[in-house]
PDB file of all heavy atoms in Angstrom:
ATOM      1  N   GLU A   1       0.815  -1.212   0.000  1.00  0.00           N
ATOM      2  CA  GLU A   1       0.000   0.000   0.000  1.00  0.00           C
ATOM      3  C   GLU A   1       0.852   1.266   0.000  1.00  0.00           C
ATOM      4  O   GLU A   1       0.463   2.294   0.567  1.00  0.00           O
ATOM      5  CB  GLU A   1      -0.974   0.008   1.187  1.00  0.00           C
ATOM      6  CG  GLU A   1      -1.972  -1.127   1.158  1.00  0.00           C
ATOM      7  CD  GLU A   1      -2.933  -1.079   2.327  1.00  0.00           C
ATOM      8  OE1 GLU A   1      -2.815  -0.142   3.142  1.00  0.00           O
ATOM      9  OE2 GLU A   1      -3.795  -1.961   2.415  1.00  0.00           O
ATOM     10  N   ALA A   2       2.028   1.196  -0.622  1.00  0.00           N
ATOM     11  CA  ALA A   2       2.887   2.369  -0.789  1.00  0.00           C
ATOM     12  C   ALA A   2       2.870   2.752  -2.270  1.00  0.00           C
ATOM     13  O   ALA A   2       3.855   2.588  -2.982  1.00  0.00           O
ATOM     14  CB  ALA A   2       4.297   2.079  -0.299  1.00  0.00           C
ATOM     15  N   GLU A   3       1.709   3.243  -2.706  1.00  0.00           N
ATOM     16  CA  GLU A   3       1.528   3.504  -4.137  1.00  0.00           C
ATOM     17  C   GLU A   3       2.465   4.597  -4.638  1.00  0.00           C
ATOM     18  O   GLU A   3       2.979   4.518  -5.752  1.00  0.00           O
ATOM     19  CB  GLU A   3       0.073   3.895  -4.421  1.00  0.00           C
ATOM     20  CG  GLU A   3      -0.940   2.810  -4.121  1.00  0.00           C
ATOM     21  CD  GLU A   3      -1.395   2.834  -2.678  1.00  0.00           C
ATOM     22  OE1 GLU A   3      -0.934   3.723  -1.930  1.00  0.00           O
ATOM     23  OE2 GLU A   3      -2.200   1.969  -2.300  1.00  0.00           O
ATOM     24  N   PHE A   4       2.681   5.632  -3.822  1.00  0.00           N
ATOM     25  CA  PHE A   4       3.540   6.733  -4.260  1.00  0.00           C
ATOM     26  C   PHE A   4       4.971   6.248  -4.507  1.00  0.00           C
ATOM     27  O   PHE A   4       5.598   6.619  -5.503  1.00  0.00           O
ATOM     28  CB  PHE A   4       3.530   7.844  -3.215  1.00  0.00           C
ATOM     29  CG  PHE A   4       4.508   8.951  -3.515  1.00  0.00           C
ATOM     30  CD1 PHE A   4       4.231   9.879  -4.505  1.00  0.00           C
ATOM     31  CD2 PHE A   4       5.699   9.049  -2.830  1.00  0.00           C
ATOM     32  CE1 PHE A   4       5.132  10.892  -4.801  1.00  0.00           C
ATOM     33  CE2 PHE A   4       6.606  10.052  -3.115  1.00  0.00           C
ATOM     34  CZ  PHE A   4       6.312  10.980  -4.100  1.00  0.00           C
ATOM     35  N   LEU A   5       5.489   5.413  -3.611  1.00  0.00           N
ATOM     36  CA  LEU A   5       6.842   4.892  -3.790  1.00  0.00           C
ATOM     37  C   LEU A   5       6.929   4.021  -5.035  1.00  0.00           C
ATOM     38  O   LEU A   5       7.927   4.058  -5.763  1.00  0.00           O
ATOM     39  CB  LEU A   5       7.263   4.100  -2.560  1.00  0.00           C
ATOM     40  CG  LEU A   5       7.524   4.904  -1.287  1.00  0.00           C
ATOM     41  CD1 LEU A   5       7.876   3.972  -0.151  1.00  0.00           C
ATOM     42  CD2 LEU A   5       8.611   5.927  -1.494  1.00  0.00           C
ATOM     43  N   ALA A   6       5.890   3.230  -5.297  1.00  0.00           N
ATOM     44  CA  ALA A   6       5.903   2.371  -6.479  1.00  0.00           C
ATOM     45  C   ALA A   6       5.920   3.196  -7.762  1.00  0.00           C
ATOM     46  O   ALA A   6       6.702   2.933  -8.683  1.00  0.00           O
ATOM     47  CB  ALA A   6       4.688   1.447  -6.451  1.00  0.00           C
ATOM     48  N   ILE A   7       5.066   4.219  -7.830  1.00  0.00           N
ATOM     49  CA  ILE A   7       5.030   5.061  -9.029  1.00  0.00           C
ATOM     50  C   ILE A   7       6.324   5.848  -9.176  1.00  0.00           C
ATOM     51  O   ILE A   7       6.856   6.011 -10.282  1.00  0.00           O
ATOM     52  CB  ILE A   7       3.812   6.005  -8.967  1.00  0.00           C
ATOM     53  CG1 ILE A   7       2.513   5.187  -8.975  1.00  0.00           C
ATOM     54  CG2 ILE A   7       3.827   6.978 -10.128  1.00  0.00           C
ATOM     55  CD1 ILE A   7       2.331   4.324 -10.195  1.00  0.00           C
ATOM     56  N   ALA A   8       6.870   6.345  -8.044  1.00  0.00           N
ATOM     57  CA  ALA A   8       8.133   7.089  -8.113  1.00  0.00           C
ATOM     58  C   ALA A   8       9.272   6.191  -8.578  1.00  0.00           C
ATOM     59  O   ALA A   8      10.150   6.628  -9.341  1.00  0.00           O
ATOM     60  CB  ALA A   8       8.456   7.684  -6.748  1.00  0.00           C
ATOM     61  N   LEU A   9       9.260   4.936  -8.153  1.00  0.00           N
ATOM     62  CA  LEU A   9      10.301   4.005  -8.583  1.00  0.00           C
ATOM     63  C   LEU A   9      10.250   3.786 -10.094  1.00  0.00           C
ATOM     64  O   LEU A   9      11.281   3.783 -10.773  1.00  0.00           O
ATOM     65  CB  LEU A   9      10.152   2.671  -7.849  1.00  0.00           C
ATOM     66  CG  LEU A   9      11.146   1.576  -8.212  1.00  0.00           C
ATOM     67  CD1 LEU A   9      12.547   1.978  -7.776  1.00  0.00           C
ATOM     68  CD2 LEU A   9      10.768   0.254  -7.575  1.00  0.00           C
ATOM     69  N   VAL A  10       9.049   3.614 -10.620  1.00  0.00           N
ATOM     70  CA  VAL A  10       8.912   3.373 -12.061  1.00  0.00           C
ATOM     71  C   VAL A  10       9.256   4.628 -12.857  1.00  0.00           C
ATOM     72  O   VAL A  10      10.009   4.576 -13.840  1.00  0.00           O
ATOM     73  CB  VAL A  10       7.485   2.890 -12.385  1.00  0.00           C
ATOM     74  CG1 VAL A  10       7.265   2.819 -13.897  1.00  0.00           C
ATOM     75  CG2 VAL A  10       7.231   1.532 -11.756  1.00  0.00           C
ATOM     76  N   LEU A  11       8.739   5.783 -12.425  1.00  0.00           N
ATOM     77  CA  LEU A  11       8.953   7.009 -13.196  1.00  0.00           C
ATOM     78  C   LEU A  11      10.388   7.513 -13.100  1.00  0.00           C
ATOM     79  O   LEU A  11      10.992   7.894 -14.107  1.00  0.00           O
ATOM     80  CB  LEU A  11       7.984   8.103 -12.722  1.00  0.00           C
ATOM     81  CG  LEU A  11       6.499   7.859 -12.990  1.00  0.00           C
ATOM     82  CD1 LEU A  11       5.677   9.021 -12.464  1.00  0.00           C
ATOM     83  CD2 LEU A  11       6.241   7.667 -14.471  1.00  0.00           C
ATOM     84  N   VAL A  12      10.937   7.517 -11.887  1.00  0.00           N
ATOM     85  CA  VAL A  12      12.259   8.119 -11.689  1.00  0.00           C
ATOM     86  C   VAL A  12      13.363   7.145 -12.083  1.00  0.00           C
ATOM     87  O   VAL A  12      14.226   7.453 -12.911  1.00  0.00           O
ATOM     88  CB  VAL A  12      12.424   8.576 -10.224  1.00  0.00           C
ATOM     89  CG1 VAL A  12      13.836   9.102  -9.995  1.00  0.00           C
ATOM     90  CG2 VAL A  12      11.399   9.640  -9.887  1.00  0.00           C
ATOM     91  N   TYR A  13      13.351   5.942 -11.497  1.00  0.00           N
ATOM     92  CA  TYR A  13      14.463   5.027 -11.727  1.00  0.00           C
ATOM     93  C   TYR A  13      14.380   4.358 -13.097  1.00  0.00           C
ATOM     94  O   TYR A  13      15.354   4.344 -13.849  1.00  0.00           O
ATOM     95  CB  TYR A  13      14.518   3.981 -10.619  1.00  0.00           C
ATOM     96  CG  TYR A  13      15.119   4.527  -9.356  1.00  0.00           C
ATOM     97  CD1 TYR A  13      14.321   5.104  -8.380  1.00  0.00           C
ATOM     98  CD2 TYR A  13      16.488   4.486  -9.142  1.00  0.00           C
ATOM     99  CE1 TYR A  13      14.870   5.619  -7.221  1.00  0.00           C
ATOM    100  CE2 TYR A  13      17.049   5.000  -7.992  1.00  0.00           C
ATOM    101  CZ  TYR A  13      16.240   5.562  -7.032  1.00  0.00           C
ATOM    102  OH  TYR A  13      16.783   6.079  -5.905  1.00  0.00           O
ATOM    103  N   VAL A  14      13.221   3.792 -13.416  1.00  0.00           N
ATOM    104  CA  VAL A  14      13.101   3.115 -14.712  1.00  0.00           C
ATOM    105  C   VAL A  14      13.096   4.127 -15.852  1.00  0.00           C
ATOM    106  O   VAL A  14      13.723   3.914 -16.895  1.00  0.00           O
ATOM    107  CB  VAL A  14      11.838   2.243 -14.742  1.00  0.00           C
ATOM    108  CG1 VAL A  14      11.656   1.600 -16.105  1.00  0.00           C
ATOM    109  CG2 VAL A  14      11.915   1.175 -13.661  1.00  0.00           C
ATOM    110  N   GLY A  15      12.426   5.253 -15.657  1.00  0.00           N
ATOM    111  CA  GLY A  15      12.292   6.214 -16.737  1.00  0.00           C
ATOM    112  C   GLY A  15      13.475   7.137 -16.927  1.00  0.00           C
ATOM    113  O   GLY A  15      13.711   7.617 -18.033  1.00  0.00           O
ATOM    114  N   ALA A  16      14.252   7.403 -15.871  1.00  0.00           N
ATOM    115  CA  ALA A  16      15.340   8.379 -15.977  1.00  0.00           C
ATOM    116  C   ALA A  16      16.696   7.780 -15.648  1.00  0.00           C
ATOM    117  O   ALA A  16      17.643   7.867 -16.435  1.00  0.00           O
ATOM    118  CB  ALA A  16      15.049   9.572 -15.059  1.00  0.00           C
ATOM    119  N   VAL A  17      16.811   7.160 -14.489  1.00  0.00           N
ATOM    120  CA  VAL A  17      18.114   6.670 -14.047  1.00  0.00           C
ATOM    121  C   VAL A  17      18.604   5.540 -14.949  1.00  0.00           C
ATOM    122  O   VAL A  17      19.799   5.463 -15.272  1.00  0.00           O
ATOM    123  CB  VAL A  17      18.043   6.221 -12.576  1.00  0.00           C
ATOM    124  CG1 VAL A  17      19.370   5.633 -12.126  1.00  0.00           C
ATOM    125  CG2 VAL A  17      17.657   7.386 -11.682  1.00  0.00           C
ATOM    126  N   MET A  18      17.719   4.648 -15.373  1.00  0.00           N
ATOM    127  CA  MET A  18      18.141   3.554 -16.236  1.00  0.00           C
ATOM    128  C   MET A  18      18.600   4.064 -17.603  1.00  0.00           C
ATOM    129  O   MET A  18      19.522   3.516 -18.200  1.00  0.00           O
ATOM    130  CB  MET A  18      17.001   2.545 -16.410  1.00  0.00           C
ATOM    131  CG  MET A  18      16.764   1.681 -15.200  1.00  0.00           C
ATOM    132  SD  MET A  18      18.204   0.681 -14.762  1.00  0.00           S
ATOM    133  CE  MET A  18      18.913   1.624 -13.444  1.00  0.00           C
ATOM    134  N   VAL A  19      17.951   5.132 -18.092  1.00  0.00           N
ATOM    135  CA  VAL A  19      18.410   5.731 -19.345  1.00  0.00           C
ATOM    136  C   VAL A  19      19.817   6.290 -19.164  1.00  0.00           C
ATOM    137  O   VAL A  19      20.686   6.152 -20.038  1.00  0.00           O
ATOM    138  CB  VAL A  19      17.424   6.829 -19.795  1.00  0.00           C
ATOM    139  CG1 VAL A  19      17.960   7.567 -21.020  1.00  0.00           C
ATOM    140  CG2 VAL A  19      16.061   6.230 -20.091  1.00  0.00           C
ATOM    141  N   LEU A  20      20.069   6.919 -18.008  1.00  0.00           N
ATOM    142  CA  LEU A  20      21.414   7.427 -17.718  1.00  0.00           C
ATOM    143  C   LEU A  20      22.421   6.283 -17.629  1.00  0.00           C
ATOM    144  O   LEU A  20      23.543   6.386 -18.149  1.00  0.00           O
ATOM    145  CB  LEU A  20      21.396   8.220 -16.407  1.00  0.00           C
ATOM    146  CG  LEU A  20      22.742   8.740 -15.916  1.00  0.00           C
ATOM    147  CD1 LEU A  20      23.323   9.735 -16.906  1.00  0.00           C
ATOM    148  CD2 LEU A  20      22.586   9.376 -14.538  1.00  0.00           C
ATOM    149  N   PHE A  21      22.044   5.181 -16.979  1.00  0.00           N
ATOM    150  CA  PHE A  21      22.939   4.026 -16.893  1.00  0.00           C
ATOM    151  C   PHE A  21      23.282   3.499 -18.285  1.00  0.00           C
ATOM    152  O   PHE A  21      24.446   3.213 -18.581  1.00  0.00           O
ATOM    153  CB  PHE A  21      22.295   2.921 -16.055  1.00  0.00           C
ATOM    154  CG  PHE A  21      22.416   3.146 -14.571  1.00  0.00           C
ATOM    155  CD1 PHE A  21      22.963   4.295 -14.061  1.00  0.00           C
ATOM    156  CD2 PHE A  21      21.974   2.180 -13.684  1.00  0.00           C
ATOM    157  CE1 PHE A  21      23.077   4.508 -12.704  1.00  0.00           C
ATOM    158  CE2 PHE A  21      22.084   2.375 -12.322  1.00  0.00           C
ATOM    159  CZ  PHE A  21      22.635   3.544 -11.829  1.00  0.00           C
ATOM    160  N   LEU A  22      22.271   3.344 -19.129  1.00  0.00           N
ATOM    161  CA  LEU A  22      22.523   2.864 -20.482  1.00  0.00           C
ATOM    162  C   LEU A  22      23.424   3.829 -21.244  1.00  0.00           C
ATOM    163  O   LEU A  22      24.326   3.413 -21.985  1.00  0.00           O
ATOM    164  CB  LEU A  22      21.191   2.685 -21.223  1.00  0.00           C
ATOM    165  CG  LEU A  22      20.397   1.422 -20.898  1.00  0.00           C
ATOM    166  CD1 LEU A  22      19.040   1.468 -21.568  1.00  0.00           C
ATOM    167  CD2 LEU A  22      21.149   0.172 -21.315  1.00  0.00           C
ATOM    168  N   PHE A  23      23.196   5.124 -21.068  1.00  0.00           N
ATOM    169  CA  PHE A  23      24.035   6.123 -21.732  1.00  0.00           C
ATOM    170  C   PHE A  23      25.485   5.992 -21.279  1.00  0.00           C
ATOM    171  O   PHE A  23      26.411   5.998 -22.103  1.00  0.00           O
ATOM    172  CB  PHE A  23      23.491   7.516 -21.414  1.00  0.00           C
ATOM    173  CG  PHE A  23      24.350   8.634 -21.929  1.00  0.00           C
ATOM    174  CD1 PHE A  23      24.363   8.960 -23.276  1.00  0.00           C
ATOM    175  CD2 PHE A  23      25.155   9.362 -21.059  1.00  0.00           C
ATOM    176  CE1 PHE A  23      25.154   9.991 -23.747  1.00  0.00           C
ATOM    177  CE2 PHE A  23      25.947  10.386 -21.527  1.00  0.00           C
ATOM    178  CZ  PHE A  23      25.942  10.704 -22.872  1.00  0.00           C
ATOM    179  N   VAL A  24      25.696   5.863 -19.971  1.00  0.00           N
ATOM    180  CA  VAL A  24      27.060   5.757 -19.451  1.00  0.00           C
ATOM    181  C   VAL A  24      27.715   4.456 -19.910  1.00  0.00           C
ATOM    182  O   VAL A  24      28.886   4.436 -20.323  1.00  0.00           O
ATOM    183  CB  VAL A  24      27.055   5.852 -17.912  1.00  0.00           C
ATOM    184  CG1 VAL A  24      28.417   5.522 -17.339  1.00  0.00           C
ATOM    185  CG2 VAL A  24      26.614   7.235 -17.468  1.00  0.00           C
ATOM    186  N   VAL A  25      26.974   3.337 -19.871  1.00  0.00           N
ATOM    187  CA  VAL A  25      27.533   2.050 -20.266  1.00  0.00           C
ATOM    188  C   VAL A  25      27.943   2.065 -21.735  1.00  0.00           C
ATOM    189  O   VAL A  25      29.004   1.553 -22.114  1.00  0.00           O
ATOM    190  CB  VAL A  25      26.516   0.924 -19.992  1.00  0.00           C
ATOM    191  CG1 VAL A  25      26.906  -0.353 -20.708  1.00  0.00           C
ATOM    192  CG2 VAL A  25      26.424   0.662 -18.486  1.00  0.00           C
ATOM    193  N   MET A  26      27.122   2.670 -22.571  1.00  0.00           N
ATOM    194  CA  MET A  26      27.428   2.688 -23.996  1.00  0.00           C
ATOM    195  C   MET A  26      28.527   3.698 -24.337  1.00  0.00           C
ATOM    196  O   MET A  26      29.277   3.498 -25.291  1.00  0.00           O
ATOM    197  CB  MET A  26      26.167   3.012 -24.799  1.00  0.00           C
ATOM    198  CG  MET A  26      25.123   1.922 -24.733  1.00  0.00           C
ATOM    199  SD  MET A  26      23.636   2.356 -25.646  1.00  0.00           S
ATOM    200  CE  MET A  26      22.655   0.884 -25.401  1.00  0.00           C
ATOM    201  N   MET A  27      28.637   4.779 -23.576  1.00  0.00           N
ATOM    202  CA  MET A  27      29.628   5.806 -23.877  1.00  0.00           C
ATOM    203  C   MET A  27      31.011   5.459 -23.332  1.00  0.00           C
ATOM    204  O   MET A  27      32.018   5.920 -23.861  1.00  0.00           O
ATOM    205  CB  MET A  27      29.185   7.151 -23.293  1.00  0.00           C
ATOM    206  CG  MET A  27      28.006   7.775 -24.001  1.00  0.00           C
ATOM    207  SD  MET A  27      28.416   8.322 -25.666  1.00  0.00           S
ATOM    208  CE  MET A  27      29.529   9.661 -25.318  1.00  0.00           C
ATOM    209  N   LEU A  28      31.077   4.653 -22.258  1.00  0.00           N
ATOM    210  CA  LEU A  28      32.368   4.383 -21.635  1.00  0.00           C
ATOM    211  C   LEU A  28      33.207   3.391 -22.424  1.00  0.00           C
ATOM    212  O   LEU A  28      34.412   3.308 -22.209  1.00  0.00           O
ATOM    213  CB  LEU A  28      32.161   3.854 -20.212  1.00  0.00           C
ATOM    214  CG  LEU A  28      31.787   4.894 -19.163  1.00  0.00           C
ATOM    215  CD1 LEU A  28      31.634   4.247 -17.812  1.00  0.00           C
ATOM    216  CD2 LEU A  28      32.819   6.003 -19.096  1.00  0.00           C
ATOM    217  N   ASP A  29      32.585   2.591 -23.282  1.00  0.00           N
ATOM    218  CA  ASP A  29      33.314   1.577 -24.064  1.00  0.00           C
ATOM    219  C   ASP A  29      34.120   0.674 -23.125  1.00  0.00           C
ATOM    220  O   ASP A  29      35.350   0.587 -23.191  1.00  0.00           O
ATOM    221  CB  ASP A  29      34.222   2.255 -25.095  1.00  0.00           C
ATOM    222  CG  ASP A  29      34.747   1.238 -26.114  1.00  0.00           C
ATOM    223  OD1 ASP A  29      34.151   0.160 -26.226  1.00  0.00           O
ATOM    224  OD2 ASP A  29      35.761   1.535 -26.777  1.00  0.00           O
ATOM    225  N   ILE A  30      33.402   0.007 -22.220  1.00  0.00           N
ATOM    226  CA  ILE A  30      34.040  -0.800 -21.181  1.00  0.00           C
ATOM    227  C   ILE A  30      34.634  -2.067 -21.784  1.00  0.00           C
ATOM    228  O   ILE A  30      34.015  -2.726 -22.619  1.00  0.00           O
ATOM    229  CB  ILE A  30      33.015  -1.172 -20.090  1.00  0.00           C
ATOM    230  CG1 ILE A  30      32.429   0.107 -19.468  1.00  0.00           C
ATOM    231  CG2 ILE A  30      33.619  -2.043 -19.018  1.00  0.00           C
ATOM    232  CD1 ILE A  30      31.293  -0.147 -18.512  1.00  0.00           C
ATOM    233  N   ASN A  31      35.829  -2.421 -21.344  1.00  0.00           N
ATOM    234  CA  ASN A  31      36.462  -3.676 -21.756  1.00  0.00           C
ATOM    235  C   ASN A  31      35.881  -4.801 -20.897  1.00  0.00           C
ATOM    236  O   ASN A  31      36.285  -5.000 -19.752  1.00  0.00           O
ATOM    237  CB  ASN A  31      37.982  -3.585 -21.582  1.00  0.00           C
ATOM    238  CG  ASN A  31      38.691  -4.791 -22.179  1.00  0.00           C
ATOM    239  OD1 ASN A  31      38.054  -5.709 -22.687  1.00  0.00           O
ATOM    240  ND2 ASN A  31      40.003  -4.792 -22.119  1.00  0.00           N
ATOM    241  N   ILE A  32      34.927  -5.535 -21.460  1.00  0.00           N
ATOM    242  CA  ILE A  32      34.201  -6.545 -20.687  1.00  0.00           C
ATOM    243  C   ILE A  32      35.122  -7.689 -20.286  1.00  0.00           C
ATOM    244  O   ILE A  32      35.035  -8.224 -19.180  1.00  0.00           O
ATOM    245  CB  ILE A  32      32.993  -7.062 -21.499  1.00  0.00           C
ATOM    246  CG1 ILE A  32      32.067  -5.888 -21.846  1.00  0.00           C
ATOM    247  CG2 ILE A  32      32.235  -8.122 -20.735  1.00  0.00           C
ATOM    248  CD1 ILE A  32      30.945  -6.262 -22.768  1.00  0.00           C
ATOM    249  N   ALA A  33      36.016  -8.101 -21.172  1.00  0.00           N
ATOM    250  CA  ALA A  33      36.915  -9.221 -20.863  1.00  0.00           C
ATOM    251  C   ALA A  33      37.787  -8.922 -19.659  1.00  0.00           C
ATOM    252  O   ALA A  33      38.031  -9.782 -18.799  1.00  0.00           O
ATOM    253  CB  ALA A  33      37.784  -9.532 -22.080  1.00  0.00           C
ATOM    254  N   GLU A  34      38.249  -7.686 -19.541  1.00  0.00           N
ATOM    255  CA  GLU A  34      39.086  -7.315 -18.399  1.00  0.00           C
ATOM    256  C   GLU A  34      38.287  -7.317 -17.104  1.00  0.00           C
ATOM    257  O   GLU A  34      38.792  -7.694 -16.045  1.00  0.00           O
ATOM    258  CB  GLU A  34      39.692  -5.933 -18.651  1.00  0.00           C
ATOM    259  CG  GLU A  34      40.647  -5.473 -17.561  1.00  0.00           C
ATOM    260  CD  GLU A  34      41.245  -4.121 -17.871  1.00  0.00           C
ATOM    261  OE1 GLU A  34      41.102  -3.657 -19.018  1.00  0.00           O
ATOM    262  OE2 GLU A  34      41.848  -3.529 -16.959  1.00  0.00           O
ATOM    263  N   LEU A  35      37.015  -6.897 -17.178  1.00  0.00           N
ATOM    264  CA  LEU A  35      36.186  -6.889 -15.979  1.00  0.00           C
ATOM    265  C   LEU A  35      35.857  -8.300 -15.499  1.00  0.00           C
ATOM    266  O   LEU A  35      35.785  -8.561 -14.301  1.00  0.00           O
ATOM    267  CB  LEU A  35      34.884  -6.122 -16.246  1.00  0.00           C
ATOM    268  CG  LEU A  35      34.994  -4.610 -16.426  1.00  0.00           C
ATOM    269  CD1 LEU A  35      33.629  -4.027 -16.739  1.00  0.00           C
ATOM    270  CD2 LEU A  35      35.571  -3.962 -15.177  1.00  0.00           C
ATOM    271  N   ARG A  36      35.657  -9.214 -16.451  1.00  0.00           N
ATOM    272  CA  ARG A  36      35.277 -10.576 -16.090  1.00  0.00           C
ATOM    273  C   ARG A  36      36.472 -11.421 -15.656  1.00  0.00           C
ATOM    274  O   ARG A  36      36.293 -12.520 -15.141  1.00  0.00           O
ATOM    275  CB  ARG A  36      34.617 -11.259 -17.294  1.00  0.00           C
ATOM    276  CG  ARG A  36      33.353 -10.594 -17.775  1.00  0.00           C
ATOM    277  CD  ARG A  36      32.206 -10.784 -16.849  1.00  0.00           C
ATOM    278  NE  ARG A  36      31.829 -12.167 -16.723  1.00  0.00           N
ATOM    279  CZ  ARG A  36      30.827 -12.623 -15.979  1.00  0.00           C
ATOM    280  NH1 ARG A  36      30.127 -11.768 -15.275  1.00  0.00           N
ATOM    281  NH2 ARG A  36      30.548 -13.894 -15.905  1.00  0.00           N
TER     282      ARG A  36
END
């Protein structure tokens, strides 16, 4: 029954923060083999 937190999680994190994560991951050109 925490509807506000659920909507904020979807709008803020899924809608904005995840886009930022994808942008950073794609722009950094990470060497995956070295990380693994």
